N, C-alpha and C. Protein backbone atom coordinates (compact mmCIF):
# COMPACT_ATOMS: atom_id res chain seq x y z
N MET A 1 -35.19 -11.31 23.70
CA MET A 1 -34.01 -12.05 22.95
C MET A 1 -33.23 -10.86 22.21
N ILE A 2 -31.91 -10.60 22.82
CA ILE A 2 -30.85 -9.48 22.07
C ILE A 2 -29.81 -10.72 21.88
N ILE A 3 -29.48 -9.87 20.28
CA ILE A 3 -28.70 -10.96 19.85
C ILE A 3 -27.44 -9.90 19.77
N PHE A 4 -26.18 -10.04 20.31
CA PHE A 4 -25.18 -9.29 19.91
C PHE A 4 -23.42 -10.08 19.55
N GLY A 5 -22.82 -9.87 18.98
CA GLY A 5 -21.63 -10.17 18.96
C GLY A 5 -20.55 -9.33 18.34
N THR A 6 -19.28 -9.83 17.34
CA THR A 6 -18.41 -9.05 16.94
C THR A 6 -17.99 -9.39 15.32
N LYS A 7 -17.67 -8.53 14.93
CA LYS A 7 -17.39 -8.66 13.67
C LYS A 7 -16.32 -8.09 12.75
N GLY A 8 -15.09 -8.86 12.07
CA GLY A 8 -13.98 -8.28 11.63
C GLY A 8 -13.91 -7.95 10.85
N TYR A 9 -13.12 -7.18 10.67
CA TYR A 9 -13.04 -6.29 8.92
C TYR A 9 -11.13 -6.07 8.83
N LEU A 10 -11.14 -6.29 7.60
CA LEU A 10 -9.15 -6.19 7.07
C LEU A 10 -9.31 -5.29 5.84
N TYR A 11 -8.52 -4.74 6.23
CA TYR A 11 -8.43 -3.42 5.00
C TYR A 11 -6.49 -3.95 4.46
N GLN A 12 -6.51 -3.59 3.25
CA GLN A 12 -5.19 -3.71 2.84
C GLN A 12 -4.94 -2.50 2.74
N LEU A 13 -3.77 -1.87 3.41
CA LEU A 13 -3.45 -0.42 3.32
C LEU A 13 -2.15 -0.15 2.13
N ALA A 14 -1.37 -1.23 2.06
CA ALA A 14 -0.26 -0.74 1.34
C ALA A 14 0.80 -2.41 1.21
N ILE A 15 1.48 -2.07 0.04
CA ILE A 15 2.10 -3.28 0.00
C ILE A 15 3.66 -3.25 -0.13
N LEU A 16 4.70 -3.47 0.47
CA LEU A 16 6.16 -3.36 0.83
C LEU A 16 7.01 -4.29 0.79
N THR A 17 8.10 -4.23 0.10
CA THR A 17 9.56 -4.78 0.41
C THR A 17 10.35 -4.50 1.00
N LEU A 18 10.14 -5.68 2.18
CA LEU A 18 11.25 -5.52 3.88
C LEU A 18 11.59 -6.74 3.71
N VAL A 19 12.54 -7.01 4.38
CA VAL A 19 13.17 -7.94 4.95
C VAL A 19 12.43 -8.71 6.26
N CYS A 20 12.07 -10.27 5.78
CA CYS A 20 11.10 -10.61 6.98
C CYS A 20 12.27 -10.67 8.23
N GLY A 21 11.91 -10.72 9.29
CA GLY A 21 12.42 -11.12 10.63
C GLY A 21 12.53 -12.67 11.07
N GLN A 22 11.58 -12.94 10.33
CA GLN A 22 10.99 -14.67 10.62
C GLN A 22 11.96 -15.57 9.56
N CYS A 23 11.92 -15.17 8.12
CA CYS A 23 12.46 -15.99 7.44
C CYS A 23 13.67 -15.54 6.69
N GLY A 24 13.87 -14.02 6.65
CA GLY A 24 15.34 -13.11 6.23
C GLY A 24 14.99 -12.87 4.92
N ASN A 25 14.41 -13.33 4.48
CA ASN A 25 13.98 -13.21 2.88
C ASN A 25 13.46 -11.40 2.47
N PRO A 26 14.45 -11.11 1.52
CA PRO A 26 13.65 -9.36 1.13
C PRO A 26 12.36 -10.17 0.15
N ALA A 27 11.06 -9.72 0.72
CA ALA A 27 9.81 -10.12 0.26
C ALA A 27 9.04 -9.25 0.03
N ALA A 28 7.99 -8.88 -0.49
CA ALA A 28 6.44 -7.82 -0.48
C ALA A 28 6.05 -8.86 1.19
N HIS A 29 5.48 -7.31 1.63
CA HIS A 29 4.84 -7.86 2.56
C HIS A 29 3.79 -6.73 2.56
N THR A 30 2.05 -6.93 2.68
CA THR A 30 1.37 -6.18 3.18
C THR A 30 0.85 -5.77 4.74
N LEU A 31 0.70 -4.57 4.29
CA LEU A 31 0.49 -3.75 5.55
C LEU A 31 -1.14 -4.06 5.85
N ARG A 32 -1.73 -4.27 6.80
CA ARG A 32 -2.93 -4.45 6.85
C ARG A 32 -3.77 -3.77 8.45
N LYS A 33 -5.10 -3.24 8.05
CA LYS A 33 -5.69 -3.04 9.71
C LYS A 33 -6.75 -3.86 10.06
N ARG A 34 -6.67 -4.31 10.85
CA ARG A 34 -7.65 -5.10 10.86
C ARG A 34 -8.53 -4.68 12.33
N ILE A 35 -10.12 -4.14 12.27
CA ILE A 35 -10.77 -3.72 13.09
C ILE A 35 -12.04 -4.65 13.70
N THR A 36 -11.99 -4.65 14.40
CA THR A 36 -13.38 -5.64 15.06
C THR A 36 -14.10 -4.49 16.01
N LYS A 37 -15.68 -4.65 15.41
CA LYS A 37 -16.60 -3.86 15.73
C LYS A 37 -17.40 -5.15 16.20
N PHE A 38 -18.11 -4.28 17.74
CA PHE A 38 -19.87 -4.91 18.33
C PHE A 38 -20.43 -4.92 17.41
N THR A 39 -21.28 -5.70 17.56
CA THR A 39 -22.92 -5.86 16.73
C THR A 39 -24.16 -6.00 17.40
N LEU A 40 -24.87 -5.42 17.09
CA LEU A 40 -26.36 -5.76 17.96
C LEU A 40 -27.20 -5.62 16.97
N PHE A 41 -27.87 -7.20 16.66
CA PHE A 41 -28.42 -7.62 15.64
C PHE A 41 -27.93 -7.66 14.65
N PHE A 42 -26.66 -8.22 14.28
CA PHE A 42 -25.99 -7.85 13.42
C PHE A 42 -25.81 -7.17 12.49
N VAL A 43 -25.95 -5.66 13.45
CA VAL A 43 -25.30 -4.39 12.80
C VAL A 43 -23.89 -3.75 13.70
N PRO A 44 -23.34 -3.84 12.96
CA PRO A 44 -22.16 -3.34 13.15
C PRO A 44 -22.67 -1.67 13.88
N LEU A 45 -21.90 -1.57 15.29
CA LEU A 45 -22.20 -0.04 15.63
C LEU A 45 -20.68 0.42 15.89
N PHE A 46 -19.79 0.09 16.42
CA PHE A 46 -18.60 0.24 16.60
C PHE A 46 -17.75 -0.26 17.29
N PRO A 47 -16.11 0.27 16.80
CA PRO A 47 -15.00 -0.18 16.73
C PRO A 47 -14.14 -0.53 18.12
N ILE A 48 -14.17 -1.81 18.91
CA ILE A 48 -13.84 -2.27 20.18
C ILE A 48 -12.47 -2.14 20.23
N SER A 49 -12.06 -2.75 18.73
CA SER A 49 -10.16 -2.75 18.58
C SER A 49 -9.40 -2.39 16.99
N THR A 50 -8.66 -1.94 17.04
CA THR A 50 -8.27 -1.88 15.87
C THR A 50 -6.44 -2.13 15.88
N LYS A 51 -6.16 -2.86 15.19
CA LYS A 51 -4.50 -3.45 14.92
C LYS A 51 -4.23 -3.21 13.49
N TYR A 52 -2.85 -3.21 13.81
CA TYR A 52 -1.86 -2.94 12.53
C TYR A 52 -1.12 -4.11 12.22
N LEU A 53 -1.04 -4.87 10.92
CA LEU A 53 -0.01 -5.73 10.76
C LEU A 53 1.03 -5.47 9.54
N THR A 54 1.82 -6.52 9.59
CA THR A 54 2.53 -6.46 8.21
C THR A 54 2.56 -8.34 8.12
N GLN A 55 2.01 -8.70 6.89
CA GLN A 55 2.33 -10.17 6.67
C GLN A 55 3.30 -10.31 5.42
N CYS A 56 4.35 -11.11 5.95
CA CYS A 56 5.53 -11.75 4.50
C CYS A 56 4.51 -12.51 3.49
N THR A 57 4.90 -12.36 2.43
CA THR A 57 4.19 -13.06 1.32
C THR A 57 5.01 -14.15 0.88
N PHE A 58 6.24 -14.46 1.48
CA PHE A 58 7.26 -15.45 1.03
C PHE A 58 6.92 -16.73 2.06
N CYS A 59 6.57 -16.21 3.77
CA CYS A 59 6.62 -17.82 4.62
C CYS A 59 5.24 -17.26 5.19
N GLY A 60 4.34 -16.32 5.32
CA GLY A 60 3.19 -15.93 5.58
C GLY A 60 3.24 -15.36 7.57
N ALA A 61 4.54 -15.29 8.02
CA ALA A 61 4.54 -14.64 8.99
C ALA A 61 3.95 -13.26 8.81
N GLU A 62 3.12 -12.96 10.63
CA GLU A 62 2.29 -11.95 10.87
C GLU A 62 3.23 -10.89 11.66
N GLN A 63 3.47 -9.55 11.83
CA GLN A 63 4.48 -9.24 12.89
C GLN A 63 2.94 -7.79 12.84
N LYS A 64 2.95 -7.70 14.49
CA LYS A 64 1.99 -6.83 14.77
C LYS A 64 2.98 -5.32 14.93
N VAL A 65 2.57 -4.43 14.77
CA VAL A 65 2.62 -2.84 14.17
C VAL A 65 2.05 -2.25 15.09
N THR A 66 2.93 -0.60 15.58
CA THR A 66 1.96 -0.06 15.90
C THR A 66 1.76 1.00 15.09
N LYS A 67 0.26 2.07 15.67
CA LYS A 67 -0.36 3.04 14.56
C LYS A 67 0.43 3.63 13.89
N GLU A 68 1.49 4.27 15.01
CA GLU A 68 2.57 5.53 14.20
C GLU A 68 3.64 4.60 12.65
N GLN A 69 3.87 3.09 13.46
CA GLN A 69 4.53 2.49 12.39
C GLN A 69 4.19 2.57 11.08
N ALA A 70 2.89 1.77 11.27
CA ALA A 70 2.13 1.80 9.93
C ALA A 70 1.73 3.19 8.92
N GLU A 71 1.26 4.27 10.11
CA GLU A 71 1.27 5.57 9.54
C GLU A 71 2.92 5.41 8.78
N GLN A 72 3.60 5.14 9.38
CA GLN A 72 4.91 5.83 8.47
C GLN A 72 5.28 4.57 7.59
N LEU A 73 4.99 3.65 7.19
CA LEU A 73 5.46 2.71 6.49
C LEU A 73 4.12 3.01 5.39
N GLN A 74 3.24 3.28 5.83
CA GLN A 74 2.43 3.85 4.24
C GLN A 74 2.36 5.01 3.60
N SER A 75 3.24 6.15 4.52
CA SER A 75 3.87 7.15 3.94
C SER A 75 4.64 6.89 3.49
N GLN A 76 6.03 5.65 3.10
CA GLN A 76 6.88 5.57 2.58
C GLN A 76 6.43 4.90 1.33
N SER A 77 5.48 3.62 1.55
CA SER A 77 4.90 3.36 0.21
C SER A 77 4.43 4.30 -0.75
N THR A 78 4.08 5.49 -0.39
CA THR A 78 3.42 6.29 -1.37
C THR A 78 4.36 7.54 -1.91
N ASN A 79 5.27 7.68 -1.13
CA ASN A 79 6.54 8.81 -1.29
C ASN A 79 7.30 8.34 -2.13
N GLY A 80 7.55 6.85 -1.89
CA GLY A 80 9.02 6.10 -2.80
C GLY A 80 8.74 6.31 -4.15
N PRO A 81 9.85 5.25 -4.52
CA PRO A 81 9.71 5.53 -6.07
C PRO A 81 8.76 4.13 -6.70
N SER A 82 8.26 4.99 -7.66
CA SER A 82 7.22 3.81 -8.27
C SER A 82 7.85 3.55 -9.76
N GLY A 83 7.06 2.25 -10.05
CA GLY A 83 7.70 1.35 -10.78
C GLY A 83 9.27 0.91 -11.16
N GLN A 84 9.66 1.14 -9.74
CA GLN A 84 11.40 0.44 -9.75
C GLN A 84 11.20 -0.86 -9.25
N ALA A 85 11.93 -1.84 -9.67
CA ALA A 85 11.53 -3.33 -9.40
C ALA A 85 12.56 -3.88 -8.54
N TYR A 86 12.19 -4.41 -7.42
CA TYR A 86 13.41 -4.33 -6.41
C TYR A 86 14.60 -5.10 -6.83
N GLY A 87 15.70 -4.83 -6.42
CA GLY A 87 17.08 -4.96 -6.66
C GLY A 87 17.31 -5.12 -8.16
N GLN A 88 16.77 -4.40 -8.72
CA GLN A 88 17.20 -3.80 -10.27
C GLN A 88 18.04 -1.83 -9.70
N PRO A 89 19.30 -2.16 -10.29
CA PRO A 89 19.74 -0.71 -10.07
C PRO A 89 18.69 0.58 -10.75
N GLN A 90 19.13 1.80 -10.06
CA GLN A 90 18.96 2.72 -10.91
C GLN A 90 19.73 3.27 -12.01
N GLN A 91 18.51 3.84 -12.34
CA GLN A 91 19.32 4.43 -14.00
C GLN A 91 19.43 5.97 -13.28
N HIS A 92 20.59 6.33 -13.75
CA HIS A 92 21.03 7.91 -13.72
C HIS A 92 21.43 8.11 -15.20
N ASP A 93 21.15 9.71 -15.34
CA ASP A 93 21.85 10.00 -16.42
C ASP A 93 23.32 10.39 -16.47
N ARG A 94 23.44 9.86 -17.35
CA ARG A 94 25.26 10.46 -17.65
C ARG A 94 25.36 11.52 -18.89
N PHE A 95 26.17 13.02 -18.55
CA PHE A 95 26.65 13.74 -19.48
C PHE A 95 28.20 13.74 -19.65
C-alpha cells in the first residue's frame, strides 16, 4: 500500500501598508507565499504549486499577486523608511 498526498506551507514574507482593493481602507497587508508539496508516506518530496498573495488585516480579503509583483513588494518593504508610522508627517531638518 502506497500512501501519498499533499501538504501546504505558508510563509509570511513582509508586512506592507497598502490601500485595500476590497474595503478601500489604508491598512497593513501581509505578503505571503503558499507552497503545496507532494508527499509520499507523509514525507514532503517536491513542490507542486507556489502562489503569492496579500491579505488585508482590516477586512481579511486576499488578492493573488505574481512572483514578480511579490518580489517588488518585498524589496519595497525592506528598502522603505523604517520606523515611520503611517500617516505621520516626515521630519525634515530646517536651518
